Amino acid sequence: MDIEFLAVPILFIALPWLVLHYVTKWKTAPKLTDGDEQMLEELYQLARRLDARMDTVERLVAADSPEFEAPRLIADNADDNATLAEIERKLKERTSR
């Protein structure tokens, strides 16, 4: 068999089909819409408020019951809040664009 016999169909049929197939897949992939981003922002703010409320409840229970040991992470500990700080930094970058 001639190598040219296989090279021509691969070059002019298979390769363009492969490229166009994956370009189509890439364009139809789900993306975050503005509504999705707004909903994520609202959920993030809600999570922050709930976290603050849990801290308050734990402080109140600890004040009433000396044997209470807080099972959660420390609210103002920098190591515990590193992920939240990273999220807030990315949100600021996104809104400043």
PDB file of N, CA and C in Angstrom:
ATOM      1  N   MET A   1       0.826  -1.185   0.000  1.00  0.00           N
ATOM      2  CA  MET A   1       0.000   0.000   0.000  1.00  0.00           C
ATOM      3  C   MET A   1       0.876   1.257   0.000  1.00  0.00           C
ATOM      4  N   ASP A   2       0.454   2.206  -0.730  1.00  0.00           N
ATOM      5  CA  ASP A   2       1.172   3.467  -0.806  1.00  0.00           C
ATOM      6  C   ASP A   2       0.864   4.303   0.443  1.00  0.00           C
ATOM      7  N   ILE A   3       1.892   4.955   0.966  1.00  0.00           N
ATOM      8  CA  ILE A   3       1.700   5.827   2.127  1.00  0.00           C
ATOM      9  C   ILE A   3       0.865   7.038   1.749  1.00  0.00           C
ATOM     10  N   GLU A   4       0.952   7.475   0.517  1.00  0.00           N
ATOM     11  CA  GLU A   4       0.168   8.616   0.061  1.00  0.00           C
ATOM     12  C   GLU A   4      -1.314   8.282   0.046  1.00  0.00           C
ATOM     13  N   PHE A   5      -1.624   7.012  -0.190  1.00  0.00           N
ATOM     14  CA  PHE A   5      -3.018   6.567  -0.210  1.00  0.00           C
ATOM     15  C   PHE A   5      -3.685   6.789   1.155  1.00  0.00           C
ATOM     16  N   LEU A   6      -2.942   6.623   2.253  1.00  0.00           N
ATOM     17  CA  LEU A   6      -3.471   6.841   3.605  1.00  0.00           C
ATOM     18  C   LEU A   6      -3.292   8.280   4.075  1.00  0.00           C
ATOM     19  N   ALA A   7      -2.222   8.920   3.641  1.00  0.00           N
ATOM     20  CA  ALA A   7      -1.924  10.266   4.126  1.00  0.00           C
ATOM     21  C   ALA A   7      -2.937  11.289   3.648  1.00  0.00           C
ATOM     22  N   VAL A   8      -3.388  11.180   2.411  1.00  0.00           N
ATOM     23  CA  VAL A   8      -4.325  12.163   1.868  1.00  0.00           C
ATOM     24  C   VAL A   8      -5.666  12.136   2.616  1.00  0.00           C
ATOM     25  N   PRO A   9      -6.310  10.978   2.815  1.00  0.00           N
ATOM     26  CA  PRO A   9      -7.568  10.992   3.570  1.00  0.00           C
ATOM     27  C   PRO A   9      -7.382  11.436   5.018  1.00  0.00           C
ATOM     28  N   ILE A  10      -6.281  11.033   5.624  1.00  0.00           N
ATOM     29  CA  ILE A  10      -6.039  11.456   7.010  1.00  0.00           C
ATOM     30  C   ILE A  10      -5.863  12.961   7.072  1.00  0.00           C
ATOM     31  N   LEU A  11      -5.109  13.507   6.161  1.00  0.00           N
ATOM     32  CA  LEU A  11      -4.812  14.930   6.171  1.00  0.00           C
ATOM     33  C   LEU A  11      -6.037  15.782   5.846  1.00  0.00           C
ATOM     34  N   PHE A  12      -6.829  15.359   4.863  1.00  0.00           N
ATOM     35  CA  PHE A  12      -7.931  16.192   4.396  1.00  0.00           C
ATOM     36  C   PHE A  12      -9.303  15.813   4.955  1.00  0.00           C
ATOM     37  N   ILE A  13      -9.428  14.664   5.581  1.00  0.00           N
ATOM     38  CA  ILE A  13     -10.732  14.267   6.124  1.00  0.00           C
ATOM     39  C   ILE A  13     -10.668  14.092   7.638  1.00  0.00           C
ATOM     40  N   ALA A  14      -9.796  13.229   8.110  1.00  0.00           N
ATOM     41  CA  ALA A  14      -9.761  12.883   9.529  1.00  0.00           C
ATOM     42  C   ALA A  14      -9.295  14.050  10.404  1.00  0.00           C
ATOM     43  N   LEU A  15      -8.227  14.707  10.023  1.00  0.00           N
ATOM     44  CA  LEU A  15      -7.694  15.800  10.841  1.00  0.00           C
ATOM     45  C   LEU A  15      -8.672  16.975  10.948  1.00  0.00           C
ATOM     46  N   PRO A  16      -9.238  17.485   9.836  1.00  0.00           N
ATOM     47  CA  PRO A  16     -10.228  18.566   9.986  1.00  0.00           C
ATOM     48  C   PRO A  16     -11.460  18.125  10.777  1.00  0.00           C
ATOM     49  N   TRP A  17     -11.903  16.880  10.565  1.00  0.00           N
ATOM     50  CA  TRP A  17     -13.063  16.403  11.311  1.00  0.00           C
ATOM     51  C   TRP A  17     -12.755  16.390  12.806  1.00  0.00           C
ATOM     52  N   LEU A  18     -11.580  15.925  13.191  1.00  0.00           N
ATOM     53  CA  LEU A  18     -11.190  15.870  14.594  1.00  0.00           C
ATOM     54  C   LEU A  18     -11.144  17.270  15.197  1.00  0.00           C
ATOM     55  N   VAL A  19     -10.537  18.210  14.492  1.00  0.00           N
ATOM     56  CA  VAL A  19     -10.453  19.585  14.990  1.00  0.00           C
ATOM     57  C   VAL A  19     -11.842  20.199  15.126  1.00  0.00           C
ATOM     58  N   LEU A  20     -12.661  20.072  14.092  1.00  0.00           N
ATOM     59  CA  LEU A  20     -14.006  20.653  14.145  1.00  0.00           C
ATOM     60  C   LEU A  20     -14.877  19.980  15.207  1.00  0.00           C
ATOM     61  N   HIS A  21     -14.700  18.698  15.399  1.00  0.00           N
ATOM     62  CA  HIS A  21     -15.460  17.980  16.420  1.00  0.00           C
ATOM     63  C   HIS A  21     -15.181  18.567  17.808  1.00  0.00           C
ATOM     64  N   TYR A  22     -13.914  18.748  18.144  1.00  0.00           N
ATOM     65  CA  TYR A  22     -13.572  19.251  19.469  1.00  0.00           C
ATOM     66  C   TYR A  22     -13.847  20.742  19.615  1.00  0.00           C
ATOM     67  N   VAL A  23     -13.788  21.507  18.541  1.00  0.00           N
ATOM     68  CA  VAL A  23     -14.187  22.916  18.610  1.00  0.00           C
ATOM     69  C   VAL A  23     -15.679  23.010  18.926  1.00  0.00           C
ATOM     70  N   THR A  24     -16.474  22.165  18.288  1.00  0.00           N
ATOM     71  CA  THR A  24     -17.913  22.142  18.561  1.00  0.00           C
ATOM     72  C   THR A  24     -18.187  21.732  20.001  1.00  0.00           C
ATOM     73  N   LYS A  25     -17.489  20.718  20.480  1.00  0.00           N
ATOM     74  CA  LYS A  25     -17.653  20.285  21.882  1.00  0.00           C
ATOM     75  C   LYS A  25     -17.299  21.413  22.841  1.00  0.00           C
ATOM     76  N   TRP A  26     -16.225  22.137  22.539  1.00  0.00           N
ATOM     77  CA  TRP A  26     -15.778  23.220  23.401  1.00  0.00           C
ATOM     78  C   TRP A  26     -16.798  24.350  23.435  1.00  0.00           C
ATOM     79  N   LYS A  27     -17.374  24.677  22.287  1.00  0.00           N
ATOM     80  CA  LYS A  27     -18.342  25.780  22.224  1.00  0.00           C
ATOM     81  C   LYS A  27     -19.667  25.429  22.880  1.00  0.00           C
ATOM     82  N   THR A  28     -20.041  24.163  22.891  1.00  0.00           N
ATOM     83  CA  THR A  28     -21.319  23.771  23.498  1.00  0.00           C
ATOM     84  C   THR A  28     -21.175  23.400  24.965  1.00  0.00           C
ATOM     85  N   ALA A  29     -19.965  23.466  25.510  1.00  0.00           N
ATOM     86  CA  ALA A  29     -19.751  23.145  26.923  1.00  0.00           C
ATOM     87  C   ALA A  29     -20.489  24.167  27.791  1.00  0.00           C
ATOM     88  N   PRO A  30     -21.058  23.719  28.903  1.00  0.00           N
ATOM     89  CA  PRO A  30     -21.783  24.652  29.765  1.00  0.00           C
ATOM     90  C   PRO A  30     -20.845  25.715  30.353  1.00  0.00           C
ATOM     91  N   LYS A  31     -21.362  26.919  30.413  1.00  0.00           N
ATOM     92  CA  LYS A  31     -20.603  28.046  30.949  1.00  0.00           C
ATOM     93  C   LYS A  31     -21.423  28.717  32.033  1.00  0.00           C
ATOM     94  N   LEU A  32     -20.749  29.442  32.908  1.00  0.00           N
ATOM     95  CA  LEU A  32     -21.448  30.201  33.931  1.00  0.00           C
ATOM     96  C   LEU A  32     -22.040  31.457  33.302  1.00  0.00           C
ATOM     97  N   THR A  33     -23.328  31.634  33.489  1.00  0.00           N
ATOM     98  CA  THR A  33     -23.976  32.842  32.995  1.00  0.00           C
ATOM     99  C   THR A  33     -23.886  33.926  34.064  1.00  0.00           C
ATOM    100  N   ASP A  34     -24.316  35.132  33.708  1.00  0.00           N
ATOM    101  CA  ASP A  34     -24.322  36.215  34.697  1.00  0.00           C
ATOM    102  C   ASP A  34     -25.242  35.870  35.866  1.00  0.00           C
ATOM    103  N   GLY A  35     -26.356  35.217  35.562  1.00  0.00           N
ATOM    104  CA  GLY A  35     -27.271  34.795  36.623  1.00  0.00           C
ATOM    105  C   GLY A  35     -26.640  33.770  37.550  1.00  0.00           C
ATOM    106  N   ASP A  36     -25.855  32.853  36.969  1.00  0.00           N
ATOM    107  CA  ASP A  36     -25.156  31.861  37.784  1.00  0.00           C
ATOM    108  C   ASP A  36     -24.136  32.528  38.706  1.00  0.00           C
ATOM    109  N   GLU A  37     -23.395  33.482  38.155  1.00  0.00           N
ATOM    110  CA  GLU A  37     -22.403  34.187  38.971  1.00  0.00           C
ATOM    111  C   GLU A  37     -23.070  34.984  40.079  1.00  0.00           C
ATOM    112  N   GLN A  38     -24.213  35.600  39.785  1.00  0.00           N
ATOM    113  CA  GLN A  38     -24.933  36.360  40.804  1.00  0.00           C
ATOM    114  C   GLN A  38     -25.431  35.417  41.893  1.00  0.00           C
ATOM    115  N   MET A  39     -25.957  34.242  41.498  1.00  0.00           N
ATOM    116  CA  MET A  39     -26.441  33.285  42.473  1.00  0.00           C
ATOM    117  C   MET A  39     -25.287  32.776  43.350  1.00  0.00           C
ATOM    118  N   LEU A  40     -24.125  32.528  42.765  1.00  0.00           N
ATOM    119  CA  LEU A  40     -22.971  32.102  43.545  1.00  0.00           C
ATOM    120  C   LEU A  40     -22.540  33.181  44.525  1.00  0.00           C
ATOM    121  N   GLU A  41     -22.578  34.424  44.092  1.00  0.00           N
ATOM    122  CA  GLU A  41     -22.236  35.539  44.986  1.00  0.00           C
ATOM    123  C   GLU A  41     -23.212  35.604  46.156  1.00  0.00           C
ATOM    124  N   GLU A  42     -24.508  35.451  45.888  1.00  0.00           N
ATOM    125  CA  GLU A  42     -25.506  35.473  46.953  1.00  0.00           C
ATOM    126  C   GLU A  42     -25.311  34.299  47.912  1.00  0.00           C
ATOM    127  N   LEU A  43     -25.018  33.123  47.379  1.00  0.00           N
ATOM    128  CA  LEU A  43     -24.769  31.959  48.230  1.00  0.00           C
ATOM    129  C   LEU A  43     -23.529  32.157  49.090  1.00  0.00           C
ATOM    130  N   TYR A  44     -22.509  32.775  48.521  1.00  0.00           N
ATOM    131  CA  TYR A  44     -21.297  33.047  49.281  1.00  0.00           C
ATOM    132  C   TYR A  44     -21.597  34.008  50.433  1.00  0.00           C
ATOM    133  N   GLN A  45     -22.339  35.083  50.144  1.00  0.00           N
ATOM    134  CA  GLN A  45     -22.688  36.039  51.196  1.00  0.00           C
ATOM    135  C   GLN A  45     -23.544  35.373  52.275  1.00  0.00           C
ATOM    136  N   LEU A  46     -24.462  34.511  51.862  1.00  0.00           N
ATOM    137  CA  LEU A  46     -25.291  33.778  52.823  1.00  0.00           C
ATOM    138  C   LEU A  46     -24.428  32.876  53.703  1.00  0.00           C
ATOM    139  N   ALA A  47     -23.464  32.201  53.107  1.00  0.00           N
ATOM    140  CA  ALA A  47     -22.570  31.331  53.872  1.00  0.00           C
ATOM    141  C   ALA A  47     -21.756  32.137  54.877  1.00  0.00           C
ATOM    142  N   ARG A  48     -21.314  33.320  54.471  1.00  0.00           N
ATOM    143  CA  ARG A  48     -20.570  34.182  55.413  1.00  0.00           C
ATOM    144  C   ARG A  48     -21.446  34.587  56.592  1.00  0.00           C
ATOM    145  N   ARG A  49     -22.700  34.969  56.318  1.00  0.00           N
ATOM    146  CA  ARG A  49     -23.604  35.358  57.405  1.00  0.00           C
ATOM    147  C   ARG A  49     -23.894  34.177  58.327  1.00  0.00           C
ATOM    148  N   LEU A  50     -24.115  32.998  57.752  1.00  0.00           N
ATOM    149  CA  LEU A  50     -24.378  31.816  58.572  1.00  0.00           C
ATOM    150  C   LEU A  50     -23.164  31.450  59.420  1.00  0.00           C
ATOM    151  N   ASP A  51     -21.970  31.624  58.875  1.00  0.00           N
ATOM    152  CA  ASP A  51     -20.748  31.362  59.625  1.00  0.00           C
ATOM    153  C   ASP A  51     -20.644  32.312  60.820  1.00  0.00           C
ATOM    154  N   ALA A  52     -20.957  33.578  60.590  1.00  0.00           N
ATOM    155  CA  ALA A  52     -20.917  34.556  61.677  1.00  0.00           C
ATOM    156  C   ALA A  52     -21.959  34.218  62.745  1.00  0.00           C
ATOM    157  N   ARG A  53     -23.127  33.769  62.313  1.00  0.00           N
ATOM    158  CA  ARG A  53     -24.170  33.384  63.284  1.00  0.00           C
ATOM    159  C   ARG A  53     -23.745  32.171  64.103  1.00  0.00           C
ATOM    160  N   MET A  54     -23.113  31.196  63.450  1.00  0.00           N
ATOM    161  CA  MET A  54     -22.635  30.015  64.180  1.00  0.00           C
ATOM    162  C   MET A  54     -21.583  30.406  65.209  1.00  0.00           C
ATOM    163  N   ASP A  55     -20.718  31.336  64.855  1.00  0.00           N
ATOM    164  CA  ASP A  55     -19.719  31.811  65.812  1.00  0.00           C
ATOM    165  C   ASP A  55     -20.406  32.433  67.022  1.00  0.00           C
ATOM    166  N   THR A  56     -21.434  33.235  66.766  1.00  0.00           N
ATOM    167  CA  THR A  56     -22.175  33.878  67.851  1.00  0.00           C
ATOM    168  C   THR A  56     -22.856  32.836  68.738  1.00  0.00           C
ATOM    169  N   VAL A  57     -23.510  31.852  68.136  1.00  0.00           N
ATOM    170  CA  VAL A  57     -24.187  30.805  68.910  1.00  0.00           C
ATOM    171  C   VAL A  57     -23.179  30.038  69.756  1.00  0.00           C
ATOM    172  N   GLU A  58     -22.032  29.716  69.186  1.00  0.00           N
ATOM    173  CA  GLU A  58     -21.019  28.988  69.947  1.00  0.00           C
ATOM    174  C   GLU A  58     -20.494  29.814  71.110  1.00  0.00           C
ATOM    175  N   ARG A  59     -20.312  31.112  70.902  1.00  0.00           N
ATOM    176  CA  ARG A  59     -19.866  31.970  72.008  1.00  0.00           C
ATOM    177  C   ARG A  59     -20.911  32.026  73.114  1.00  0.00           C
ATOM    178  N   LEU A  60     -22.201  32.121  72.724  1.00  0.00           N
ATOM    179  CA  LEU A  60     -23.268  32.169  73.731  1.00  0.00           C
ATOM    180  C   LEU A  60     -23.353  30.863  74.505  1.00  0.00           C
ATOM    181  N   VAL A  61     -23.285  29.750  73.822  1.00  0.00           N
ATOM    182  CA  VAL A  61     -23.353  28.450  74.496  1.00  0.00           C
ATOM    183  C   VAL A  61     -22.131  28.257  75.388  1.00  0.00           C
ATOM    184  N   ALA A  62     -20.940  28.663  74.921  1.00  0.00           N
ATOM    185  CA  ALA A  62     -19.720  28.531  75.725  1.00  0.00           C
ATOM    186  C   ALA A  62     -19.801  29.407  76.975  1.00  0.00           C
ATOM    187  N   ALA A  63     -20.454  30.568  76.869  1.00  0.00           N
ATOM    188  CA  ALA A  63     -20.597  31.443  78.033  1.00  0.00           C
ATOM    189  C   ALA A  63     -21.548  30.838  79.056  1.00  0.00           C
ATOM    190  N   ASP A  64     -22.584  30.133  78.593  1.00  0.00           N
ATOM    191  CA  ASP A  64     -23.557  29.524  79.502  1.00  0.00           C
ATOM    192  C   ASP A  64     -23.089  28.190  80.057  1.00  0.00           C
ATOM    193  N   SER A  65     -22.263  27.494  79.323  1.00  0.00           N
ATOM    194  CA  SER A  65     -21.862  26.147  79.713  1.00  0.00           C
ATOM    195  C   SER A  65     -20.341  26.024  79.629  1.00  0.00           C
ATOM    196  N   PRO A  66     -19.667  26.040  80.787  1.00  0.00           N
ATOM    197  CA  PRO A  66     -18.194  25.996  80.773  1.00  0.00           C
ATOM    198  C   PRO A  66     -17.618  24.704  80.179  1.00  0.00           C
ATOM    199  N   GLU A  67     -18.361  23.604  80.226  1.00  0.00           N
ATOM    200  CA  GLU A  67     -17.830  22.346  79.682  1.00  0.00           C
ATOM    201  C   GLU A  67     -17.993  22.242  78.174  1.00  0.00           C
ATOM    202  N   PHE A  68     -18.644  23.234  77.560  1.00  0.00           N
ATOM    203  CA  PHE A  68     -18.835  23.226  76.111  1.00  0.00           C
ATOM    204  C   PHE A  68     -17.494  23.424  75.412  1.00  0.00           C
ATOM    205  N   GLU A  69     -17.226  22.556  74.455  1.00  0.00           N
ATOM    206  CA  GLU A  69     -16.002  22.678  73.669  1.00  0.00           C
ATOM    207  C   GLU A  69     -16.406  22.895  72.224  1.00  0.00           C
ATOM    208  N   ALA A  70     -16.037  24.012  71.660  1.00  0.00           N
ATOM    209  CA  ALA A  70     -16.439  24.360  70.293  1.00  0.00           C
ATOM    210  C   ALA A  70     -15.870  23.344  69.302  1.00  0.00           C
ATOM    211  N   PRO A  71     -16.732  22.647  68.566  1.00  0.00           N
ATOM    212  CA  PRO A  71     -16.250  21.652  67.610  1.00  0.00           C
ATOM    213  C   PRO A  71     -15.788  22.255  66.285  1.00  0.00           C
ATOM    214  N   ARG A  72     -16.138  23.515  66.040  1.00  0.00           N
ATOM    215  CA  ARG A  72     -15.813  24.132  64.760  1.00  0.00           C
ATOM    216  C   ARG A  72     -14.434  24.753  64.785  1.00  0.00           C
ATOM    217  N   LEU A  73     -14.039  25.222  63.623  1.00  0.00           N
ATOM    218  CA  LEU A  73     -12.764  25.914  63.503  1.00  0.00           C
ATOM    219  C   LEU A  73     -12.856  27.290  64.157  1.00  0.00           C
ATOM    220  N   ILE A  74     -11.735  27.828  64.516  1.00  0.00           N
ATOM    221  CA  ILE A  74     -11.707  29.154  65.134  1.00  0.00           C
ATOM    222  C   ILE A  74     -12.009  30.201  64.075  1.00  0.00           C
ATOM    223  N   ALA A  75     -12.948  31.083  64.375  1.00  0.00           N
ATOM    224  CA  ALA A  75     -13.442  32.025  63.368  1.00  0.00           C
ATOM    225  C   ALA A  75     -12.381  33.004  62.881  1.00  0.00           C
ATOM    226  N   ASP A  76     -11.569  33.512  63.780  1.00  0.00           N
ATOM    227  CA  ASP A  76     -10.617  34.555  63.398  1.00  0.00           C
ATOM    228  C   ASP A  76      -9.204  34.020  63.178  1.00  0.00           C
ATOM    229  N   ASN A  77      -9.066  32.723  63.055  1.00  0.00           N
ATOM    230  CA  ASN A  77      -7.766  32.120  62.811  1.00  0.00           C
ATOM    231  C   ASN A  77      -7.423  32.271  61.327  1.00  0.00           C
ATOM    232  N   ALA A  78      -6.244  32.827  61.039  1.00  0.00           N
ATOM    233  CA  ALA A  78      -5.848  33.088  59.650  1.00  0.00           C
ATOM    234  C   ALA A  78      -5.748  31.801  58.835  1.00  0.00           C
ATOM    235  N   ASP A  79      -5.281  30.730  59.454  1.00  0.00           N
ATOM    236  CA  ASP A  79      -5.172  29.456  58.728  1.00  0.00           C
ATOM    237  C   ASP A  79      -6.544  28.931  58.319  1.00  0.00           C
ATOM    238  N   ASP A  80      -7.521  29.077  59.199  1.00  0.00           N
ATOM    239  CA  ASP A  80      -8.875  28.602  58.904  1.00  0.00           C
ATOM    240  C   ASP A  80      -9.566  29.450  57.846  1.00  0.00           C
ATOM    241  N   ASN A  81      -9.224  30.712  57.788  1.00  0.00           N
ATOM    242  CA  ASN A  81      -9.889  31.628  56.865  1.00  0.00           C
ATOM    243  C   ASN A  81      -9.112  31.855  55.574  1.00  0.00           C
ATOM    244  N   ALA A  82      -8.062  31.093  55.335  1.00  0.00           N
ATOM    245  CA  ALA A  82      -7.248  31.296  54.129  1.00  0.00           C
ATOM    246  C   ALA A  82      -8.062  31.064  52.861  1.00  0.00           C
ATOM    247  N   THR A  83      -8.909  30.044  52.864  1.00  0.00           N
ATOM    248  CA  THR A  83      -9.727  29.760  51.683  1.00  0.00           C
ATOM    249  C   THR A  83     -10.714  30.890  51.434  1.00  0.00           C
ATOM    250  N   LEU A  84     -11.342  31.377  52.493  1.00  0.00           N
ATOM    251  CA  LEU A  84     -12.285  32.487  52.339  1.00  0.00           C
ATOM    252  C   LEU A  84     -11.575  33.741  51.840  1.00  0.00           C
ATOM    253  N   ALA A  85     -10.386  33.990  52.323  1.00  0.00           N
ATOM    254  CA  ALA A  85      -9.635  35.162  51.868  1.00  0.00           C
ATOM    255  C   ALA A  85      -9.304  35.038  50.382  1.00  0.00           C
ATOM    256  N   GLU A  86      -8.975  33.838  49.937  1.00  0.00           N
ATOM    257  CA  GLU A  86      -8.677  33.614  48.515  1.00  0.00           C
ATOM    258  C   GLU A  86      -9.923  33.855  47.660  1.00  0.00           C
ATOM    259  N   ILE A  87     -11.070  33.386  48.131  1.00  0.00           N
ATOM    260  CA  ILE A  87     -12.326  33.596  47.400  1.00  0.00           C
ATOM    261  C   ILE A  87     -12.646  35.084  47.319  1.00  0.00           C
ATOM    262  N   GLU A  88     -12.498  35.780  48.438  1.00  0.00           N
ATOM    263  CA  GLU A  88     -12.770  37.218  48.442  1.00  0.00           C
ATOM    264  C   GLU A  88     -11.823  37.963  47.505  1.00  0.00           C
ATOM    265  N   ARG A  89     -10.550  37.556  47.456  1.00  0.00           N
ATOM    266  CA  ARG A  89      -9.589  38.202  46.558  1.00  0.00           C
ATOM    267  C   ARG A  89      -9.991  38.001  45.103  1.00  0.00           C
ATOM    268  N   LYS A  90     -10.422  36.785  44.761  1.00  0.00           N
ATOM    269  CA  LYS A  90     -10.846  36.507  43.389  1.00  0.00           C
ATOM    270  C   LYS A  90     -12.116  37.278  43.038  1.00  0.00           C
ATOM    271  N   LEU A  91     -13.038  37.412  43.993  1.00  0.00           N
ATOM    272  CA  LEU A  91     -14.252  38.193  43.741  1.00  0.00           C
ATOM    273  C   LEU A  91     -13.913  39.658  43.481  1.00  0.00           C
ATOM    274  N   LYS A  92     -12.983  40.214  44.241  1.00  0.00           N
ATOM    275  CA  LYS A  92     -12.572  41.607  44.036  1.00  0.00           C
ATOM    276  C   LYS A  92     -11.923  41.793  42.662  1.00  0.00           C
ATOM    277  N   GLU A  93     -11.097  40.819  42.271  1.00  0.00           N
ATOM    278  CA  GLU A  93     -10.465  40.890  40.958  1.00  0.00           C
ATOM    279  C   GLU A  93     -11.507  40.843  39.853  1.00  0.00           C
ATOM    280  N   ARG A  94     -12.506  39.989  40.009  1.00  0.00           N
ATOM    281  CA  ARG A  94     -13.544  39.826  38.983  1.00  0.00           C
ATOM    282  C   ARG A  94     -14.391  41.098  38.882  1.00  0.00           C
ATOM    283  N   THR A  95     -14.725  41.710  40.016  1.00  0.00           N
ATOM    284  CA  THR A  95     -15.572  42.899  39.962  1.00  0.00           C
ATOM    285  C   THR A  95     -14.799  44.115  39.502  1.00  0.00           C
ATOM    286  N   SER A  96     -13.475  44.117  39.651  1.00  0.00           N
ATOM    287  CA  SER A  96     -12.694  45.278  39.223  1.00  0.00           C
ATOM    288  C   SER A  96     -12.438  45.287  37.729  1.00  0.00           C
ATOM    289  N   ARG A  97     -12.711  44.185  37.047  1.00  0.00           N
ATOM    290  CA  ARG A  97     -12.500  44.127  35.586  1.00  0.00           C
ATOM    291  C   ARG A  97     -13.530  44.877  34.837  1.00  0.00           C
TER     292      ARG A  97
END
